[in-house]
Amino acid sequence: MQTSAPLGTRDRIVVAAARLVQRQGYVGTGIKQIAKEAGATLGSVYHFFPGGKEAVAVAAIKHSDEEFAAILREALDSEDDPAAAVDACARLLAGALRESGWVDGCPVTAAALETLGDTDSEIQGACVAALRGWQDLVADKLLRTGLAATDARELAGTVISTLEGAEVTAQVTRSEEPLLQAGRHLARLVATYR
């Protein structure tokens, strides 16, 4: 059995920041707390991220983006039928949210909403890139199953937007049902395009 190598200091900082930003938001997460959670010194944080908290947050959002993209890709690839694949995404998100005790919602939502007023911020840019990347994954799945490019792109945007809203609602209400409902209705919508 092969075990993975322990994370280096920089990676521990990024992972700790990603979890904290996901659970507490950007504003609610402090640089000292990130260092403590990562088992790193404050000096190490600034060594790896001379730009401070914003630089750590950007790296954390990119890390979360990659993690979520892998989960989304897995769910989309779990079903040949695109409608069933979209429903699988919603079910996977609902289960993961429940298992986390309703605290691990979308990895970019909090940071995105907290930085809305600063359209030039690197955090906002990382959030936009994440959302567009996830939309691209859904669009690619739809394209591979024969949908026209314009329909696939617009439908993918609807899927990601709906799942994002349903995930927040599920988190607030502490119920899987908003995500499960969204999955069922998105699947019906996707099926109308086939």
C-alpha atoms as a PDB file:
ATOM      1  CA  MET A   1       0.000   0.000   0.000  1.00  0.00           C
ATOM      2  CA  GLN A   2       1.392   3.323  -1.083  1.00  0.00           C
ATOM      3  CA  THR A   3       0.959   6.310   1.214  1.00  0.00           C
ATOM      4  CA  SER A   4       1.120   9.868   0.041  1.00  0.00           C
ATOM      5  CA  ALA A   5       4.004  12.023   1.154  1.00  0.00           C
ATOM      6  CA  PRO A   6       3.253  14.593   3.829  1.00  0.00           C
ATOM      7  CA  LEU A   7       2.405  18.026   2.556  1.00  0.00           C
ATOM      8  CA  GLY A   8       5.093  20.657   2.558  1.00  0.00           C
ATOM      9  CA  THR A   9       4.638  23.868   4.499  1.00  0.00           C
ATOM     10  CA  ARG A  10       3.333  25.884   1.550  1.00  0.00           C
ATOM     11  CA  ASP A  11       0.775  23.220   0.679  1.00  0.00           C
ATOM     12  CA  ARG A  12      -0.351  22.913   4.314  1.00  0.00           C
ATOM     13  CA  ILE A  13      -0.904  26.676   4.379  1.00  0.00           C
ATOM     14  CA  VAL A  14      -2.951  26.560   1.167  1.00  0.00           C
ATOM     15  CA  VAL A  15      -5.089  23.619   2.319  1.00  0.00           C
ATOM     16  CA  ALA A  16      -5.699  25.165   5.743  1.00  0.00           C
ATOM     17  CA  ALA A  17      -6.627  28.494   4.162  1.00  0.00           C
ATOM     18  CA  ALA A  18      -8.938  26.764   1.686  1.00  0.00           C
ATOM     19  CA  ARG A  19     -10.874  25.024   4.475  1.00  0.00           C
ATOM     20  CA  LEU A  20     -11.068  28.156   6.596  1.00  0.00           C
ATOM     21  CA  VAL A  21     -12.210  30.406   3.737  1.00  0.00           C
ATOM     22  CA  GLN A  22     -14.765  27.774   2.708  1.00  0.00           C
ATOM     23  CA  ARG A  23     -16.208  27.601   6.226  1.00  0.00           C
ATOM     24  CA  GLN A  24     -15.730  31.179   7.480  1.00  0.00           C
ATOM     25  CA  GLY A  25     -15.314  33.310   4.397  1.00  0.00           C
ATOM     26  CA  TYR A  26     -12.389  35.515   3.477  1.00  0.00           C
ATOM     27  CA  VAL A  27     -13.222  38.303   5.909  1.00  0.00           C
ATOM     28  CA  GLY A  28     -13.697  35.880   8.815  1.00  0.00           C
ATOM     29  CA  THR A  29     -10.357  34.157   8.290  1.00  0.00           C
ATOM     30  CA  GLY A  30      -7.220  35.642   9.781  1.00  0.00           C
ATOM     31  CA  ILE A  31      -3.621  35.094   8.735  1.00  0.00           C
ATOM     32  CA  LYS A  32      -2.677  33.968  12.269  1.00  0.00           C
ATOM     33  CA  GLN A  33      -5.478  31.417  12.223  1.00  0.00           C
ATOM     34  CA  ILE A  34      -4.266  30.092   8.864  1.00  0.00           C
ATOM     35  CA  ALA A  35      -0.738  29.692  10.254  1.00  0.00           C
ATOM     36  CA  LYS A  36      -2.024  27.913  13.360  1.00  0.00           C
ATOM     37  CA  GLU A  37      -4.282  25.546  11.377  1.00  0.00           C
ATOM     38  CA  ALA A  38      -1.421  24.754   8.991  1.00  0.00           C
ATOM     39  CA  GLY A  39       1.032  24.104  11.799  1.00  0.00           C
ATOM     40  CA  ALA A  40       3.249  26.812  10.359  1.00  0.00           C
ATOM     41  CA  THR A  41       4.809  29.975  11.661  1.00  0.00           C
ATOM     42  CA  LEU A  42       3.511  33.375  10.687  1.00  0.00           C
ATOM     43  CA  GLY A  43       6.922  33.995   9.116  1.00  0.00           C
ATOM     44  CA  SER A  44       6.447  30.930   6.906  1.00  0.00           C
ATOM     45  CA  VAL A  45       3.112  32.233   5.685  1.00  0.00           C
ATOM     46  CA  TYR A  46       4.677  35.543   4.676  1.00  0.00           C
ATOM     47  CA  HIS A  47       7.709  33.750   3.208  1.00  0.00           C
ATOM     48  CA  PHE A  48       5.523  31.765   0.823  1.00  0.00           C
ATOM     49  CA  PHE A  49       2.933  34.517   0.369  1.00  0.00           C
ATOM     50  CA  PRO A  50       4.615  37.931   0.538  1.00  0.00           C
ATOM     51  CA  GLY A  51       1.297  39.439  -0.617  1.00  0.00           C
ATOM     52  CA  GLY A  52      -0.244  38.449   2.718  1.00  0.00           C
ATOM     53  CA  LYS A  53      -3.784  37.306   3.298  1.00  0.00           C
ATOM     54  CA  GLU A  54      -5.039  38.092  -0.206  1.00  0.00           C
ATOM     55  CA  ALA A  55      -2.246  36.067  -1.810  1.00  0.00           C
ATOM     56  CA  VAL A  56      -2.967  33.117   0.492  1.00  0.00           C
ATOM     57  CA  ALA A  57      -6.694  33.390  -0.303  1.00  0.00           C
ATOM     58  CA  VAL A  58      -6.069  33.374  -4.060  1.00  0.00           C
ATOM     59  CA  ALA A  59      -3.954  30.219  -3.737  1.00  0.00           C
ATOM     60  CA  ALA A  60      -6.626  28.675  -1.499  1.00  0.00           C
ATOM     61  CA  ILE A  61      -9.414  29.464  -3.982  1.00  0.00           C
ATOM     62  CA  LYS A  62      -7.388  27.970  -6.839  1.00  0.00           C
ATOM     63  CA  HIS A  63      -6.797  24.857  -4.734  1.00  0.00           C
ATOM     64  CA  SER A  64     -10.515  24.596  -3.913  1.00  0.00           C
ATOM     65  CA  ASP A  65     -11.359  25.159  -7.567  1.00  0.00           C
ATOM     66  CA  GLU A  66      -9.176  22.204  -8.583  1.00  0.00           C
ATOM     67  CA  GLU A  67     -10.637  19.989  -5.848  1.00  0.00           C
ATOM     68  CA  PHE A  68     -14.207  20.814  -6.790  1.00  0.00           C
ATOM     69  CA  ALA A  69     -13.501  20.452 -10.512  1.00  0.00           C
ATOM     70  CA  ALA A  70     -12.227  16.909  -9.863  1.00  0.00           C
ATOM     71  CA  ILE A  71     -15.415  16.071  -7.936  1.00  0.00           C
ATOM     72  CA  LEU A  72     -17.584  17.620 -10.635  1.00  0.00           C
ATOM     73  CA  ARG A  73     -15.699  15.761 -13.372  1.00  0.00           C
ATOM     74  CA  GLU A  74     -16.138  12.470 -11.489  1.00  0.00           C
ATOM     75  CA  ALA A  75     -19.883  13.021 -11.083  1.00  0.00           C
ATOM     76  CA  LEU A  76     -20.335  14.048 -14.717  1.00  0.00           C
ATOM     77  CA  ASP A  77     -18.380  11.019 -15.923  1.00  0.00           C
ATOM     78  CA  SER A  78     -20.331   8.652 -13.681  1.00  0.00           C
ATOM     79  CA  GLU A  79     -23.273   8.628 -16.097  1.00  0.00           C
ATOM     80  CA  ASP A  80     -23.380   8.453 -19.891  1.00  0.00           C
ATOM     81  CA  ASP A  81     -26.732  10.238 -20.037  1.00  0.00           C
ATOM     82  CA  PRO A  82     -26.191  13.979 -19.464  1.00  0.00           C
ATOM     83  CA  ALA A  83     -29.455  14.378 -17.537  1.00  0.00           C
ATOM     84  CA  ALA A  84     -28.471  11.597 -15.141  1.00  0.00           C
ATOM     85  CA  ALA A  85     -24.956  13.065 -14.883  1.00  0.00           C
ATOM     86  CA  VAL A  86     -26.297  16.457 -13.797  1.00  0.00           C
ATOM     87  CA  ASP A  87     -28.559  14.792 -11.244  1.00  0.00           C
ATOM     88  CA  ALA A  88     -25.535  12.792  -9.998  1.00  0.00           C
ATOM     89  CA  CYS A  89     -23.691  16.086  -9.406  1.00  0.00           C
ATOM     90  CA  ALA A  90     -26.513  17.406  -7.247  1.00  0.00           C
ATOM     91  CA  ARG A  91     -26.738  14.160  -5.267  1.00  0.00           C
ATOM     92  CA  LEU A  92     -22.983  14.109  -4.709  1.00  0.00           C
ATOM     93  CA  LEU A  93     -22.999  17.721  -3.478  1.00  0.00           C
ATOM     94  CA  ALA A  94     -25.962  17.034  -1.194  1.00  0.00           C
ATOM     95  CA  GLY A  95     -24.266  14.026   0.382  1.00  0.00           C
ATOM     96  CA  ALA A  96     -20.960  15.828   0.875  1.00  0.00           C
ATOM     97  CA  LEU A  97     -22.663  18.838   2.437  1.00  0.00           C
ATOM     98  CA  ARG A  98     -24.634  16.638   4.843  1.00  0.00           C
ATOM     99  CA  GLU A  99     -21.500  14.662   5.798  1.00  0.00           C
ATOM    100  CA  SER A 100     -19.676  17.919   6.596  1.00  0.00           C
ATOM    101  CA  GLY A 101     -22.362  18.920   9.066  1.00  0.00           C
ATOM    102  CA  TRP A 102     -23.581  21.597   6.642  1.00  0.00           C
ATOM    103  CA  VAL A 103     -20.355  23.630   6.863  1.00  0.00           C
ATOM    104  CA  ASP A 104     -18.477  22.740   3.661  1.00  0.00           C
ATOM    105  CA  GLY A 105     -20.485  24.523   0.996  1.00  0.00           C
ATOM    106  CA  CYS A 106     -19.172  25.948  -2.244  1.00  0.00           C
ATOM    107  CA  PRO A 107     -15.456  26.644  -1.936  1.00  0.00           C
ATOM    108  CA  VAL A 108     -15.673  30.039  -3.631  1.00  0.00           C
ATOM    109  CA  THR A 109     -19.081  31.465  -2.730  1.00  0.00           C
ATOM    110  CA  ALA A 110     -18.140  33.232   0.497  1.00  0.00           C
ATOM    111  CA  ALA A 111     -14.999  34.814  -0.920  1.00  0.00           C
ATOM    112  CA  ALA A 112     -16.776  35.788  -4.131  1.00  0.00           C
ATOM    113  CA  LEU A 113     -19.608  37.530  -2.317  1.00  0.00           C
ATOM    114  CA  GLU A 114     -17.316  39.259   0.154  1.00  0.00           C
ATOM    115  CA  THR A 115     -15.188  40.788  -2.607  1.00  0.00           C
ATOM    116  CA  LEU A 116     -17.963  41.830  -5.021  1.00  0.00           C
ATOM    117  CA  GLY A 117     -17.178  45.519  -4.690  1.00  0.00           C
ATOM    118  CA  ASP A 118     -13.565  45.033  -5.752  1.00  0.00           C
ATOM    119  CA  THR A 119     -13.816  43.830  -9.333  1.00  0.00           C
ATOM    120  CA  ASP A 120     -10.058  44.207  -9.802  1.00  0.00           C
ATOM    121  CA  SER A 121      -9.145  41.992  -6.844  1.00  0.00           C
ATOM    122  CA  GLU A 122      -7.212  38.821  -7.515  1.00  0.00           C
ATOM    123  CA  ILE A 123      -9.675  36.996  -5.263  1.00  0.00           C
ATOM    124  CA  GLN A 124     -12.594  38.033  -7.438  1.00  0.00           C
ATOM    125  CA  GLY A 125     -10.647  36.964 -10.526  1.00  0.00           C
ATOM    126  CA  ALA A 126      -9.914  33.528  -9.026  1.00  0.00           C
ATOM    127  CA  CYS A 127     -13.601  33.103  -8.149  1.00  0.00           C
ATOM    128  CA  VAL A 128     -14.721  34.065 -11.658  1.00  0.00           C
ATOM    129  CA  ALA A 129     -12.190  31.648 -13.176  1.00  0.00           C
ATOM    130  CA  ALA A 130     -13.438  28.836 -10.923  1.00  0.00           C
ATOM    131  CA  LEU A 131     -17.087  29.349 -11.829  1.00  0.00           C
ATOM    132  CA  ARG A 132     -16.288  29.586 -15.545  1.00  0.00           C
ATOM    133  CA  GLY A 133     -14.139  26.463 -15.338  1.00  0.00           C
ATOM    134  CA  TRP A 134     -16.941  24.494 -13.712  1.00  0.00           C
ATOM    135  CA  GLN A 135     -19.350  25.739 -16.361  1.00  0.00           C
ATOM    136  CA  ASP A 136     -16.894  24.595 -19.021  1.00  0.00           C
ATOM    137  CA  LEU A 137     -16.815  21.092 -17.513  1.00  0.00           C
ATOM    138  CA  VAL A 138     -20.599  20.822 -17.706  1.00  0.00           C
ATOM    139  CA  ALA A 139     -20.647  22.291 -21.221  1.00  0.00           C
ATOM    140  CA  ASP A 140     -18.016  19.774 -22.362  1.00  0.00           C
ATOM    141  CA  LYS A 141     -20.160  16.912 -21.054  1.00  0.00           C
ATOM    142  CA  LEU A 142     -23.196  18.283 -22.887  1.00  0.00           C
ATOM    143  CA  LEU A 143     -21.219  18.794 -26.090  1.00  0.00           C
ATOM    144  CA  ARG A 144     -19.909  15.224 -25.964  1.00  0.00           C
ATOM    145  CA  THR A 145     -23.493  13.987 -25.831  1.00  0.00           C
ATOM    146  CA  GLY A 146     -24.521  15.873 -28.954  1.00  0.00           C
ATOM    147  CA  LEU A 147     -25.908  19.219 -27.826  1.00  0.00           C
ATOM    148  CA  ALA A 148     -25.282  22.257 -29.994  1.00  0.00           C
ATOM    149  CA  ALA A 149     -22.514  24.531 -28.699  1.00  0.00           C
ATOM    150  CA  THR A 150     -24.764  27.478 -27.823  1.00  0.00           C
ATOM    151  CA  ASP A 151     -27.284  25.254 -26.049  1.00  0.00           C
ATOM    152  CA  ALA A 152     -24.529  23.411 -24.174  1.00  0.00           C
ATOM    153  CA  ARG A 153     -22.931  26.643 -22.984  1.00  0.00           C
ATOM    154  CA  GLU A 154     -26.179  28.271 -21.852  1.00  0.00           C
ATOM    155  CA  LEU A 155     -27.468  25.095 -20.240  1.00  0.00           C
ATOM    156  CA  ALA A 156     -24.151  24.621 -18.414  1.00  0.00           C
ATOM    157  CA  GLY A 157     -24.464  28.140 -17.019  1.00  0.00           C
ATOM    158  CA  THR A 158     -27.952  27.321 -15.778  1.00  0.00           C
ATOM    159  CA  VAL A 159     -26.709  24.089 -14.189  1.00  0.00           C
ATOM    160  CA  ILE A 160     -23.863  25.755 -12.282  1.00  0.00           C
ATOM    161  CA  SER A 161     -25.979  28.741 -11.214  1.00  0.00           C
ATOM    162  CA  THR A 162     -28.783  26.495 -10.007  1.00  0.00           C
ATOM    163  CA  LEU A 163     -26.455  24.143  -8.139  1.00  0.00           C
ATOM    164  CA  GLU A 164     -24.712  27.109  -6.490  1.00  0.00           C
ATOM    165  CA  GLY A 165     -28.002  28.554  -5.273  1.00  0.00           C
ATOM    166  CA  ALA A 166     -29.326  25.173  -4.191  1.00  0.00           C
ATOM    167  CA  GLU A 167     -26.140  24.476  -2.263  1.00  0.00           C
ATOM    168  CA  VAL A 168     -26.437  27.724  -0.305  1.00  0.00           C
ATOM    169  CA  THR A 169     -30.113  26.995   0.392  1.00  0.00           C
ATOM    170  CA  ALA A 170     -29.285  23.451   1.508  1.00  0.00           C
ATOM    171  CA  GLN A 171     -26.568  24.765   3.787  1.00  0.00           C
ATOM    172  CA  VAL A 172     -28.823  27.389   5.377  1.00  0.00           C
ATOM    173  CA  THR A 173     -31.780  25.015   5.822  1.00  0.00           C
ATOM    174  CA  ARG A 174     -29.536  22.082   6.806  1.00  0.00           C
ATOM    175  CA  SER A 175     -31.346  19.882   4.325  1.00  0.00           C
ATOM    176  CA  GLU A 176     -30.295  17.977   1.226  1.00  0.00           C
ATOM    177  CA  GLU A 177     -33.662  18.561  -0.389  1.00  0.00           C
ATOM    178  CA  PRO A 178     -32.865  21.855  -2.176  1.00  0.00           C
ATOM    179  CA  LEU A 179     -29.973  20.166  -3.982  1.00  0.00           C
ATOM    180  CA  LEU A 180     -31.937  16.998  -4.694  1.00  0.00           C
ATOM    181  CA  GLN A 181     -34.828  19.064  -6.096  1.00  0.00           C
ATOM    182  CA  ALA A 182     -32.440  21.090  -8.216  1.00  0.00           C
ATOM    183  CA  GLY A 183     -30.849  17.912  -9.539  1.00  0.00           C
ATOM    184  CA  ARG A 184     -34.186  16.392 -10.516  1.00  0.00           C
ATOM    185  CA  HIS A 185     -35.389  19.549 -12.261  1.00  0.00           C
ATOM    186  CA  LEU A 186     -32.078  20.192 -13.991  1.00  0.00           C
ATOM    187  CA  ALA A 187     -32.124  16.607 -15.252  1.00  0.00           C
ATOM    188  CA  ARG A 188     -35.595  17.199 -16.718  1.00  0.00           C
ATOM    189  CA  LEU A 189     -34.378  20.392 -18.344  1.00  0.00           C
ATOM    190  CA  VAL A 190     -31.295  18.726 -19.818  1.00  0.00           C
ATOM    191  CA  ALA A 191     -33.469  15.865 -21.128  1.00  0.00           C
ATOM    192  CA  THR A 192     -35.620  18.329 -23.124  1.00  0.00           C
ATOM    193  CA  TYR A 193     -32.572  19.189 -25.242  1.00  0.00           C
ATOM    194  CA  ARG A 194     -32.046  15.596 -26.415  1.00  0.00           C
END
